[in-house]
Amino acid sequence: MDMTFFWTTVSVVVLVVDLWAMASIWRTTKSAGTKIGWTIVLLVLPVIGLVIWGIAGPRGVAEPPTSEEHSKG
């Protein structure tokens, strides 16, 4: 029973991180083809794809935060 809880927790964490990565991918300025490609990689290979994306994925956010709260140093 303890191993089931462990793997369920790991699965949920991987799912949440993959969803965050996909959201980050779709906020970039890269082409639609690049975004679709990275999304497919994450859907097919959730853990390995996340590692690959973390190393080689697209960088840059299309719309950076504009509020005064984000500008404070």
N, C-alpha and C. Protein backbone atom coordinates (compact mmCIF):
# COMPACT_ATOMS: atom_id res chain seq x y z
N MET A 1 0.82 -1.19 0.00
CA MET A 1 0.00 0.00 0.00
C MET A 1 0.86 1.26 0.00
N ASP A 2 1.99 1.23 0.70
CA ASP A 2 2.86 2.39 0.74
C ASP A 2 3.46 2.68 -0.64
N MET A 3 3.80 1.64 -1.40
CA MET A 3 4.37 1.85 -2.73
C MET A 3 3.33 2.44 -3.67
N THR A 4 2.07 2.07 -3.51
CA THR A 4 1.01 2.64 -4.34
C THR A 4 0.90 4.13 -4.09
N PHE A 5 0.94 4.54 -2.84
CA PHE A 5 0.89 5.96 -2.51
C PHE A 5 2.10 6.69 -3.08
N PHE A 6 3.26 6.09 -2.98
CA PHE A 6 4.48 6.69 -3.50
C PHE A 6 4.37 6.92 -5.00
N TRP A 7 3.99 5.89 -5.76
CA TRP A 7 3.92 6.02 -7.22
C TRP A 7 2.78 6.94 -7.65
N THR A 8 1.71 6.97 -6.89
CA THR A 8 0.64 7.91 -7.19
C THR A 8 1.13 9.34 -7.01
N THR A 9 1.86 9.58 -5.94
CA THR A 9 2.42 10.91 -5.69
C THR A 9 3.41 11.30 -6.77
N VAL A 10 4.29 10.40 -7.14
CA VAL A 10 5.26 10.67 -8.21
C VAL A 10 4.53 10.98 -9.52
N SER A 11 3.49 10.22 -9.83
CA SER A 11 2.74 10.43 -11.06
C SER A 11 2.07 11.80 -11.08
N VAL A 12 1.49 12.19 -9.96
CA VAL A 12 0.83 13.49 -9.89
C VAL A 12 1.85 14.62 -10.03
N VAL A 13 3.00 14.48 -9.40
CA VAL A 13 4.05 15.50 -9.51
C VAL A 13 4.53 15.62 -10.96
N VAL A 14 4.76 14.49 -11.62
CA VAL A 14 5.20 14.50 -13.01
C VAL A 14 4.12 15.15 -13.89
N LEU A 15 2.86 14.83 -13.65
CA LEU A 15 1.77 15.42 -14.42
C LEU A 15 1.72 16.94 -14.25
N VAL A 16 1.83 17.40 -13.02
CA VAL A 16 1.79 18.84 -12.77
C VAL A 16 2.97 19.55 -13.42
N VAL A 17 4.15 18.99 -13.30
CA VAL A 17 5.34 19.61 -13.90
C VAL A 17 5.24 19.59 -15.43
N ASP A 18 4.72 18.50 -16.00
CA ASP A 18 4.54 18.45 -17.45
C ASP A 18 3.52 19.49 -17.92
N LEU A 19 2.44 19.67 -17.18
CA LEU A 19 1.46 20.69 -17.54
C LEU A 19 2.07 22.08 -17.47
N TRP A 20 2.88 22.32 -16.45
CA TRP A 20 3.58 23.60 -16.34
C TRP A 20 4.52 23.80 -17.53
N ALA A 21 5.25 22.76 -17.91
CA ALA A 21 6.17 22.84 -19.04
C ALA A 21 5.41 23.13 -20.33
N MET A 22 4.27 22.47 -20.53
CA MET A 22 3.47 22.72 -21.73
C MET A 22 2.96 24.16 -21.76
N ALA A 23 2.53 24.66 -20.63
CA ALA A 23 2.09 26.06 -20.57
C ALA A 23 3.25 26.99 -20.90
N SER A 24 4.43 26.68 -20.41
CA SER A 24 5.62 27.48 -20.71
C SER A 24 5.96 27.42 -22.19
N ILE A 25 5.82 26.25 -22.77
CA ILE A 25 6.11 26.09 -24.20
C ILE A 25 5.18 26.98 -25.02
N TRP A 26 3.91 26.98 -24.70
CA TRP A 26 2.94 27.73 -25.50
C TRP A 26 3.02 29.23 -25.27
N ARG A 27 3.74 29.68 -24.24
CA ARG A 27 3.94 31.11 -24.02
C ARG A 27 5.19 31.64 -24.72
N THR A 28 5.98 30.78 -25.35
CA THR A 28 7.21 31.23 -26.00
C THR A 28 6.91 31.88 -27.34
N THR A 29 7.93 32.48 -27.91
CA THR A 29 7.80 33.14 -29.21
C THR A 29 8.16 32.22 -30.37
N LYS A 30 8.38 30.95 -30.10
CA LYS A 30 8.76 29.99 -31.15
C LYS A 30 7.59 29.70 -32.07
N SER A 31 7.87 29.04 -33.19
CA SER A 31 6.83 28.73 -34.17
C SER A 31 5.84 27.70 -33.62
N ALA A 32 4.68 27.65 -34.26
CA ALA A 32 3.65 26.69 -33.84
C ALA A 32 4.15 25.27 -33.98
N GLY A 33 4.93 24.98 -35.02
CA GLY A 33 5.48 23.64 -35.21
C GLY A 33 6.39 23.22 -34.08
N THR A 34 7.22 24.15 -33.61
CA THR A 34 8.10 23.86 -32.47
C THR A 34 7.29 23.59 -31.22
N LYS A 35 6.28 24.39 -31.01
CA LYS A 35 5.42 24.22 -29.83
C LYS A 35 4.71 22.88 -29.86
N ILE A 36 4.17 22.52 -31.02
CA ILE A 36 3.48 21.24 -31.16
C ILE A 36 4.46 20.08 -30.97
N GLY A 37 5.66 20.21 -31.53
CA GLY A 37 6.67 19.16 -31.38
C GLY A 37 7.03 18.91 -29.92
N TRP A 38 7.30 19.98 -29.18
CA TRP A 38 7.64 19.83 -27.76
C TRP A 38 6.47 19.27 -26.96
N THR A 39 5.26 19.69 -27.31
CA THR A 39 4.08 19.17 -26.61
C THR A 39 3.93 17.68 -26.84
N ILE A 40 4.15 17.23 -28.07
CA ILE A 40 4.06 15.80 -28.38
C ILE A 40 5.13 15.02 -27.62
N VAL A 41 6.35 15.57 -27.59
CA VAL A 41 7.43 14.89 -26.85
C VAL A 41 7.03 14.73 -25.39
N LEU A 42 6.46 15.77 -24.79
CA LEU A 42 6.07 15.68 -23.38
C LEU A 42 4.90 14.72 -23.16
N LEU A 43 4.01 14.62 -24.12
CA LEU A 43 2.88 13.69 -23.97
C LEU A 43 3.32 12.24 -24.15
N VAL A 44 4.24 12.00 -25.07
CA VAL A 44 4.68 10.62 -25.35
C VAL A 44 5.70 10.14 -24.32
N LEU A 45 6.62 11.02 -23.93
CA LEU A 45 7.68 10.67 -22.97
C LEU A 45 7.65 11.67 -21.81
N PRO A 46 6.73 11.51 -20.88
CA PRO A 46 6.55 12.54 -19.84
C PRO A 46 7.80 12.84 -19.01
N VAL A 47 8.52 11.85 -18.58
CA VAL A 47 9.68 12.09 -17.71
C VAL A 47 10.91 12.43 -18.54
N ILE A 48 11.23 11.58 -19.51
CA ILE A 48 12.41 11.82 -20.35
C ILE A 48 12.22 13.10 -21.16
N GLY A 49 11.01 13.31 -21.68
CA GLY A 49 10.73 14.52 -22.44
C GLY A 49 10.91 15.78 -21.61
N LEU A 50 10.55 15.71 -20.34
CA LEU A 50 10.71 16.85 -19.45
C LEU A 50 12.19 17.17 -19.24
N VAL A 51 13.00 16.13 -19.09
CA VAL A 51 14.44 16.33 -18.93
C VAL A 51 15.03 16.94 -20.21
N ILE A 52 14.65 16.40 -21.36
CA ILE A 52 15.15 16.91 -22.63
C ILE A 52 14.71 18.36 -22.82
N TRP A 53 13.45 18.65 -22.53
CA TRP A 53 12.95 20.02 -22.66
C TRP A 53 13.69 20.96 -21.72
N GLY A 54 13.97 20.51 -20.51
CA GLY A 54 14.69 21.34 -19.56
C GLY A 54 16.08 21.71 -20.04
N ILE A 55 16.70 20.81 -20.80
CA ILE A 55 18.05 21.06 -21.30
C ILE A 55 18.03 21.82 -22.63
N ALA A 56 17.17 21.41 -23.55
CA ALA A 56 17.23 21.94 -24.91
C ALA A 56 15.99 22.67 -25.37
N GLY A 57 15.04 22.86 -24.49
CA GLY A 57 13.77 23.45 -24.89
C GLY A 57 13.85 24.92 -25.25
N PRO A 58 12.77 25.44 -25.84
CA PRO A 58 12.73 26.84 -26.23
C PRO A 58 12.79 27.76 -25.02
N ARG A 59 13.43 28.90 -25.21
CA ARG A 59 13.56 29.88 -24.14
C ARG A 59 12.86 31.16 -24.53
N GLY A 60 12.49 31.93 -23.54
CA GLY A 60 11.87 33.23 -23.79
C GLY A 60 10.36 33.17 -23.65
N VAL A 61 9.81 34.19 -23.06
CA VAL A 61 8.37 34.27 -22.86
C VAL A 61 7.84 35.35 -23.78
N ALA A 62 6.74 35.06 -24.48
CA ALA A 62 6.18 36.00 -25.44
C ALA A 62 5.69 37.27 -24.77
N GLU A 63 5.06 37.14 -23.63
CA GLU A 63 4.52 38.31 -22.93
C GLU A 63 5.03 38.30 -21.50
N PRO A 64 6.11 39.04 -21.21
CA PRO A 64 6.62 39.09 -19.85
C PRO A 64 5.65 39.81 -18.93
N PRO A 65 5.75 39.60 -17.63
CA PRO A 65 4.87 40.30 -16.68
C PRO A 65 5.03 41.80 -16.82
N THR A 66 3.92 42.52 -16.74
CA THR A 66 3.98 43.96 -16.91
C THR A 66 3.55 44.74 -15.67
N SER A 67 3.11 44.05 -14.63
CA SER A 67 2.63 44.75 -13.46
C SER A 67 3.78 45.32 -12.65
N GLU A 68 3.49 46.33 -11.87
CA GLU A 68 4.50 46.97 -11.02
C GLU A 68 5.06 45.99 -9.98
N GLU A 69 4.25 45.05 -9.52
CA GLU A 69 4.68 44.08 -8.52
C GLU A 69 5.84 43.23 -9.04
N HIS A 70 5.81 42.87 -10.32
CA HIS A 70 6.85 42.05 -10.90
C HIS A 70 8.13 42.85 -11.17
N SER A 71 8.01 44.17 -11.22
CA SER A 71 9.15 45.00 -11.55
C SER A 71 10.02 45.33 -10.35
N LYS A 72 9.49 45.10 -9.15
CA LYS A 72 10.24 45.45 -7.95
C LYS A 72 11.44 44.53 -7.78
N GLY A 73 12.55 45.11 -7.37
CA GLY A 73 13.78 44.31 -7.21
C GLY A 73 14.10 43.95 -5.84
